[in-house]
Structure formats: C-alpha cells, structure tokens
Protein backbone atom coordinates (compact mmCIF):
# COMPACT_ATOMS: atom_id res chain seq x y z
CA UNK A 1 -88.23 -88.17 -68.90
CA UNK A 2 -85.36 -88.56 -66.43
CA UNK A 3 -84.25 -85.58 -64.35
CA UNK A 4 -80.98 -87.17 -63.26
CA UNK A 5 -78.98 -90.36 -63.62
CA UNK A 6 -78.09 -92.29 -60.48
CA UNK A 7 -75.72 -95.24 -60.49
CA UNK A 8 -75.46 -96.98 -57.12
CA UNK A 9 -72.03 -98.33 -56.32
CA UNK A 10 -70.52 -100.59 -53.68
CA UNK A 11 -68.08 -98.18 -52.01
CA UNK A 12 -68.55 -95.36 -49.46
CA UNK A 13 -68.02 -92.73 -52.20
CA UNK A 14 -70.64 -90.78 -54.15
CA UNK A 15 -69.61 -88.47 -57.00
CA UNK A 16 -72.10 -85.68 -57.74
CA UNK A 17 -72.17 -83.87 -61.10
CA UNK A 18 -74.77 -81.11 -60.66
CA UNK A 19 -73.69 -78.90 -63.58
CA UNK A 20 -73.17 -81.51 -66.29
CA UNK A 21 -76.73 -81.31 -67.64
CA UNK A 22 -77.74 -79.62 -70.91
CA UNK A 23 -81.50 -80.23 -71.07
CA UNK A 24 -83.70 -77.13 -71.17
CA UNK A 25 -87.37 -76.60 -70.42
CA UNK A 26 -89.40 -75.18 -73.34
CA UNK A 27 -89.82 -71.76 -71.69
CA UNK A 28 -86.14 -71.41 -70.83
CA UNK A 29 -85.07 -72.50 -74.31
CA UNK A 30 -87.49 -70.08 -75.97
CA UNK A 31 -86.28 -67.15 -73.89
CA UNK A 32 -82.50 -67.60 -73.99
CA UNK A 33 -80.37 -65.38 -76.20
CA UNK A 34 -78.17 -66.95 -78.86
CA UNK A 35 -75.27 -66.63 -76.44
CA UNK A 36 -77.34 -68.22 -73.67
CA UNK A 37 -78.22 -71.15 -75.91
CA UNK A 38 -74.53 -72.03 -76.11
CA UNK A 39 -74.82 -73.08 -72.42
CA UNK A 40 -71.30 -71.72 -72.01
CA UNK A 41 -71.25 -72.19 -68.22
CA UNK A 42 -71.93 -75.94 -68.37
CA UNK A 43 -69.42 -78.28 -66.71
CA UNK A 44 -68.65 -79.71 -70.13
CA UNK A 45 -67.71 -83.39 -70.61
CA UNK A 46 -67.53 -84.15 -66.89
CA UNK A 47 -69.26 -87.57 -67.19
CA UNK A 48 -66.82 -88.57 -69.94
CA UNK A 49 -63.86 -87.33 -67.91
CA UNK A 50 -64.92 -89.48 -64.95
CA UNK A 51 -65.85 -92.55 -66.99
CA UNK A 52 -63.59 -94.70 -64.79
CA UNK A 53 -65.98 -94.47 -61.82
CA UNK A 54 -68.05 -97.54 -62.68
CA UNK A 55 -64.97 -99.74 -62.77
CA UNK A 56 -64.14 -98.56 -59.24
CA UNK A 57 -67.63 -99.27 -57.94
CA UNK A 58 -68.35 -95.63 -57.16
CA UNK A 59 -71.87 -94.22 -56.93
CA UNK A 60 -72.55 -91.40 -59.40
CA UNK A 61 -75.35 -88.81 -59.52
CA UNK A 62 -75.50 -86.82 -62.75
CA UNK A 63 -77.85 -83.92 -63.53
CA UNK A 64 -79.81 -83.90 -66.77
CA UNK A 65 -81.06 -80.32 -66.73
CA UNK A 66 -78.89 -77.29 -67.39
CA UNK A 67 -77.91 -74.96 -64.57
CA UNK A 68 -79.76 -72.28 -66.56
CA UNK A 69 -83.05 -74.03 -65.69
CA UNK A 70 -82.09 -74.14 -62.01
CA UNK A 71 -78.72 -74.31 -60.30
CA UNK A 72 -78.55 -77.47 -58.21
CA UNK A 73 -75.51 -76.15 -56.34
CA UNK A 74 -77.39 -73.20 -54.83
CA UNK A 75 -79.72 -73.17 -51.83
CA UNK A 76 -83.45 -72.64 -52.26
CA UNK A 77 -83.19 -69.30 -50.43
CA UNK A 78 -80.69 -68.20 -53.11
CA UNK A 79 -78.20 -67.02 -50.51
CA UNK A 80 -74.93 -65.92 -52.20
CA UNK A 81 -72.04 -68.35 -51.74
CA UNK A 82 -69.28 -65.78 -52.15
CA UNK A 83 -68.82 -62.12 -51.34
CA UNK A 84 -67.84 -61.30 -54.94
CA UNK A 85 -69.67 -61.83 -58.21
CA UNK A 86 -71.62 -65.06 -58.54
CA UNK A 87 -74.76 -66.48 -60.16
CA UNK A 88 -77.99 -67.45 -58.46
CA UNK A 89 -80.49 -70.26 -58.16
CA UNK A 90 -82.20 -69.05 -61.34
CA UNK A 91 -79.34 -67.39 -63.27
CA UNK A 92 -80.14 -64.21 -65.19
CA UNK A 93 -76.57 -63.56 -66.38
CA UNK A 94 -73.70 -65.85 -67.31
CA UNK A 95 -70.29 -65.94 -65.64
CA UNK A 96 -69.18 -62.96 -67.72
CA UNK A 97 -72.15 -60.90 -66.56
CA UNK A 98 -73.86 -61.08 -69.96
CA UNK A 99 -77.69 -61.40 -69.94
CA UNK A 100 -78.86 -64.95 -70.57
CA UNK A 101 -82.34 -63.99 -71.78
CA UNK A 102 -83.77 -61.71 -74.40
CA UNK A 103 -85.46 -58.71 -72.83
CA UNK A 104 -88.83 -59.67 -71.35
CA UNK A 105 -88.30 -63.40 -71.96
CA UNK A 106 -87.11 -64.51 -68.52
CA UNK A 107 -88.82 -67.59 -67.06
CA UNK A 108 -92.09 -66.95 -65.25
CA UNK A 109 -92.60 -67.63 -61.56
CA UNK A 110 -94.60 -70.72 -62.49
CA UNK A 111 -91.68 -72.00 -64.57
CA UNK A 112 -89.25 -71.37 -61.71
CA UNK A 113 -91.57 -73.08 -59.24
CA UNK A 114 -91.80 -76.09 -61.57
CA UNK A 115 -88.00 -76.32 -61.78
CA UNK A 116 -87.68 -76.13 -58.00
CA UNK A 117 -90.18 -78.93 -57.39
CA UNK A 118 -89.33 -81.15 -60.36
CA UNK A 119 -85.57 -80.68 -60.86
CA UNK A 120 -83.93 -79.30 -57.69
CA UNK A 121 -85.86 -81.25 -55.06
CA UNK A 122 -85.62 -84.67 -56.79
CA UNK A 123 -81.86 -84.28 -57.29
CA UNK A 124 -81.30 -83.39 -53.66
CA UNK A 125 -83.62 -86.14 -52.47
CA UNK A 126 -81.58 -88.66 -54.48
CA UNK A 127 -78.35 -87.16 -53.13
CA UNK A 128 -79.54 -87.35 -49.53
CA UNK A 129 -80.90 -90.87 -49.90
CA UNK A 130 -77.75 -92.22 -51.51
CA UNK A 131 -75.50 -90.66 -48.88
CA UNK A 132 -77.69 -92.16 -46.17
CA UNK A 133 -77.57 -95.57 -47.87
CA UNK A 134 -73.78 -95.43 -47.95
CA UNK A 135 -73.54 -94.21 -44.39
CA UNK A 136 -75.76 -97.05 -43.15
CA UNK A 137 -73.74 -99.62 -45.05
CA UNK A 138 -70.22 -98.39 -44.31
CA UNK A 139 -70.62 -96.29 -41.19
CA UNK A 140 -69.66 -93.15 -43.11
CA UNK A 141 -70.01 -91.63 -46.59
CA UNK A 142 -67.76 -89.48 -48.76
CA UNK A 143 -69.19 -86.99 -51.26
CA UNK A 144 -67.05 -85.71 -54.13
CA UNK A 145 -68.71 -82.83 -56.01
CA UNK A 146 -67.20 -82.75 -59.51
CA UNK A 147 -67.15 -79.45 -61.42
CA UNK A 148 -65.22 -77.62 -64.12
CA UNK A 149 -64.92 -74.01 -65.24
CA UNK A 150 -63.13 -71.88 -67.79
CA UNK A 151 -59.57 -71.06 -66.79
CA UNK A 152 -60.20 -67.33 -67.19
CA UNK A 153 -63.39 -65.54 -66.11
CA UNK A 154 -62.48 -61.96 -65.24
CA UNK A 155 -65.78 -61.26 -63.49
CA UNK A 156 -65.24 -64.12 -61.03
CA UNK A 157 -61.49 -64.14 -60.40
CA UNK A 158 -58.29 -62.40 -61.43
CA UNK A 159 -55.93 -63.94 -63.95
CA UNK A 160 -55.82 -67.65 -64.65
CA UNK A 161 -57.39 -70.16 -62.29
CA UNK A 162 -55.21 -72.98 -60.92
CA UNK A 163 -55.82 -76.27 -62.70
CA UNK A 164 -57.04 -78.11 -59.61
CA UNK A 165 -59.23 -76.24 -57.10
CA UNK A 166 -60.16 -78.27 -54.05
CA UNK A 167 -62.85 -76.92 -51.73
CA UNK A 168 -63.66 -78.08 -48.21
CA UNK A 169 -65.51 -75.02 -46.88
CA UNK A 170 -62.29 -73.92 -45.19
CA UNK A 171 -61.93 -77.35 -43.60
CA UNK A 172 -65.50 -77.60 -42.33
CA UNK A 173 -66.90 -80.16 -44.76
CA UNK A 174 -64.53 -83.10 -44.19
CA UNK A 175 -62.03 -84.62 -41.79
CA UNK A 176 -58.63 -82.93 -42.23
CA UNK A 177 -56.94 -86.30 -42.85
CA UNK A 178 -59.07 -86.71 -45.98
CA UNK A 179 -58.10 -83.35 -47.47
CA UNK A 180 -54.49 -84.01 -46.44
CA UNK A 181 -54.48 -87.11 -48.65
CA UNK A 182 -55.79 -85.21 -51.64
CA UNK A 183 -53.29 -82.40 -51.14
CA UNK A 184 -50.42 -84.89 -50.89
CA UNK A 185 -51.37 -86.35 -54.29
CA UNK A 186 -51.56 -82.89 -55.85
CA UNK A 187 -48.26 -81.89 -54.28
CA UNK A 188 -46.49 -85.00 -55.59
CA UNK A 189 -47.12 -84.11 -59.24
CA UNK A 190 -45.76 -81.23 -61.30
CA UNK A 191 -48.04 -81.13 -64.36
CA UNK A 192 -50.89 -79.15 -62.80
CA UNK A 193 -51.19 -76.18 -60.49
CA UNK A 194 -53.49 -76.57 -57.53
CA UNK A 195 -54.96 -74.88 -54.47
CA UNK A 196 -57.27 -75.74 -51.58
CA UNK A 197 -60.00 -73.29 -50.55
CA UNK A 198 -58.89 -70.61 -52.96
CA UNK A 199 -61.52 -68.81 -55.03
CA UNK A 200 -63.71 -71.93 -54.81
CA UNK A 201 -64.31 -73.30 -51.31
CA UNK A 202 -67.23 -75.54 -52.22
CA UNK A 203 -70.76 -74.70 -53.23
CA UNK A 204 -74.06 -75.40 -51.51
CA UNK A 205 -73.76 -79.17 -51.96
CA UNK A 206 -70.35 -79.38 -50.29
CA UNK A 207 -71.29 -76.99 -47.51
CA UNK A 208 -74.73 -78.47 -46.83
CA UNK A 209 -73.95 -82.19 -46.97
CA UNK A 210 -70.40 -82.17 -45.66
CA UNK A 211 -70.99 -82.86 -41.96
CA UNK A 212 -68.06 -84.79 -40.47
CA UNK A 213 -69.83 -84.93 -37.10
CA UNK A 214 -72.60 -86.90 -38.86
CA UNK A 215 -70.11 -89.14 -40.70
CA UNK A 216 -70.53 -87.46 -44.10
CA UNK A 217 -67.37 -85.92 -45.57
CA UNK A 218 -67.55 -83.71 -48.66
CA UNK A 219 -65.01 -82.21 -51.05
CA UNK A 220 -65.55 -80.15 -54.21
CA UNK A 221 -63.18 -80.15 -57.16
CA UNK A 222 -63.38 -77.25 -59.60
CA UNK A 223 -61.25 -78.34 -62.55
CA UNK A 224 -59.90 -75.84 -65.08
CA UNK A 225 -61.36 -76.67 -68.48
CA UNK A 226 -58.03 -75.78 -70.05
CA UNK A 227 -56.76 -79.14 -68.82
CA UNK A 228 -59.04 -81.27 -71.00
CA UNK A 229 -61.13 -79.38 -73.57
CA UNK A 230 -61.22 -76.60 -76.14
CA UNK A 231 -62.44 -73.85 -73.85
CA UNK A 232 -63.94 -70.57 -75.08
CA UNK A 233 -61.40 -67.85 -75.86
CA UNK A 234 -63.56 -65.10 -77.31
CA UNK A 235 -66.46 -65.05 -74.85
CA UNK A 236 -68.16 -62.13 -76.58
CA UNK A 237 -68.43 -64.15 -79.81
CA UNK A 238 -70.18 -67.16 -78.28
CA UNK A 239 -73.35 -68.17 -80.17
CA UNK A 240 -75.90 -70.95 -79.94
CA UNK A 241 -74.00 -73.15 -82.41
CA UNK A 242 -70.69 -72.90 -80.52
CA UNK A 243 -69.17 -76.20 -79.47
CA UNK A 244 -66.45 -76.89 -76.93
CA UNK A 245 -64.65 -80.08 -78.06
CA UNK A 246 -63.11 -82.66 -75.76
CA UNK A 247 -59.34 -82.98 -76.23
CA UNK A 248 -58.59 -86.67 -75.87
CA UNK A 249 -54.83 -86.47 -75.29
CA UNK A 250 -55.03 -83.76 -72.63
CA UNK A 251 -58.07 -85.38 -71.02
CA UNK A 252 -56.32 -88.75 -70.73
CA UNK A 253 -53.45 -87.06 -68.91
CA UNK A 254 -55.58 -85.22 -66.36
CA UNK A 255 -57.75 -88.32 -65.91
CA UNK A 256 -54.77 -90.06 -64.34
CA UNK A 257 -54.67 -87.41 -61.61
CA UNK A 258 -58.45 -87.47 -61.14
CA UNK A 259 -58.38 -91.23 -60.77
CA UNK A 260 -55.59 -90.97 -58.19
CA UNK A 261 -57.69 -88.50 -56.20
CA UNK A 262 -60.75 -90.74 -56.35
CA UNK A 263 -58.70 -93.78 -55.32
CA UNK A 264 -57.37 -91.80 -52.35
CA UNK A 265 -60.95 -91.07 -51.30
CA UNK A 266 -61.73 -94.77 -51.54
CA UNK A 267 -58.69 -95.75 -49.49
CA UNK A 268 -59.38 -93.21 -46.75
CA UNK A 269 -61.04 -94.26 -43.50
CA UNK A 270 -62.30 -92.00 -40.69
CA UNK A 271 -60.24 -91.90 -37.53
CA UNK A 272 -61.83 -93.78 -34.62
CA UNK A 273 -63.30 -91.63 -31.88
CA UNK A 274 -61.11 -91.28 -28.76
CA UNK A 275 -61.68 -94.17 -26.41
CA UNK A 276 -62.97 -96.54 -29.08
CA UNK A 277 -61.26 -99.66 -30.40
CA UNK A 278 -60.29 -99.35 -34.06
C-alpha cells in the first residue's frame, strides 16, 4: 500500500502536496467523530487543480494519508509554527477548534509512533532525496509547497483570507528574485487578491527545506478554496457524508494563474555568486 505518490520530472522544480491525502489508519478512522470523518481540513482537489504539472515536466510528491493521521507539514518535535491558534503533528481538534475524536478514542502512542515511522519519515525521505537529485542535476532545486484552505476560519484568522497566500518564511526560504517574480505575476492580474507572508508564511516543509545558501529555494502557496470548490459554509453542520465538490469553471480560471506561477518558477535561475562567470 503506497504512502505517497512521487513523479520524477526533468526540471529543477518539485511540487509537494502534503495535505492532499485522505487515507486513514484503522484506529484513526474508528476513533474520529462524524465531523472528523468529513476530513474537512484536507487540501481538497489539489492534485486535480495542478494536473498540468506532468506536461511541464515537473516533479510531484503527493501524500496518500490524511493530515489527521499525521501532519506532514509539522516537525517531529511538534513545535508550533505560529503564535496564534494552530494544529499539531497529531491533530486533536480541527481548524475550528472542534474535537476530532470521540471521547477516549484518540490514537494510542503505538499508533502515533507507527504513523511517524511509516508515513512522516518516508514522505520526508522522498522529499529530501528528490530535492537532492534535482540539485545535483541542475545545480539548484526549487520546492513549491501546494496547499489550500477555507476562505474563512475564525479561529485561525480574522475575516476572509486573500485568494493567493505566498509564504517564504519572511524571505528566508528563497532568493528574493524568485519571490519577486511570483509577486509580479500576482500584481499583474486583478481577479484574485493576494499577499506574501501574511497569515501563512510557510509551514515546516518550506522553512526546513528552503535553504538558499544550499541552493534549495522554497515557496508555499496557501490557496483559498473559495477560488475553485464548494467550500463548507456551515462548519458546525459538517458530517461524515459531507462532500466538497470541485467547481470546474472557477477552477479552470484559477488554474491559469497557478500555471503562470509554476512557469515563472521554471523560468527563474539563481543569480551567480559575486566574482563568478555566469
């Protein structure tokens, strides 16, 4: 049974999708509440939204397991990423602060240890190995961490989230000329609101792997789900059978912007070091 899907491309770019998975372990599935079984906090439809990657020759790493089994975008020490409300390596509540598990049915330590060794570590090993392969081949690698989230989550942020949320760990995870290119593309369009390093500055993957000094440049995109799908509106009514449909017309429109951002990453090249010949 696969724990992730890896497609190796022929460009310096790797797109990571750590929260696209929906598979559950038996113990997690048995313990989740009806609301938890809806997997409401999944990055829904992200693989479909980025289905143009293969045609561009881009490497893609896609999680199979749900973030409720283990969150691949958190560190193993479970250190909080933000000062405000967040969720952990082994989430106990959803983004709204609602309990994920029925009382007394949380995963055991053995179940958590299994997820760490058999889900988290293999995903990060594949991520590290693919970035190293690209860096050896091209002299540098670019990591694009693809996410989505509901446009309104009062526990996490005030009001409505911008449509496009770029994160570069406040400029620490990539060369500034790379983020400048992405910002220029966002600034040139008028259909979507956007921000860089707003509420979302990049999770563990962006912060850990984005090391410009080691020729690895990372950017996270947190995309508002209002741009491409039927997102939840009555969060307190979410049940196991709830579905969140893909909206083809809206998705096709935002795909054009996503493709432009990916193409900008592909066209970008690191600046030569001072004193070297370009």
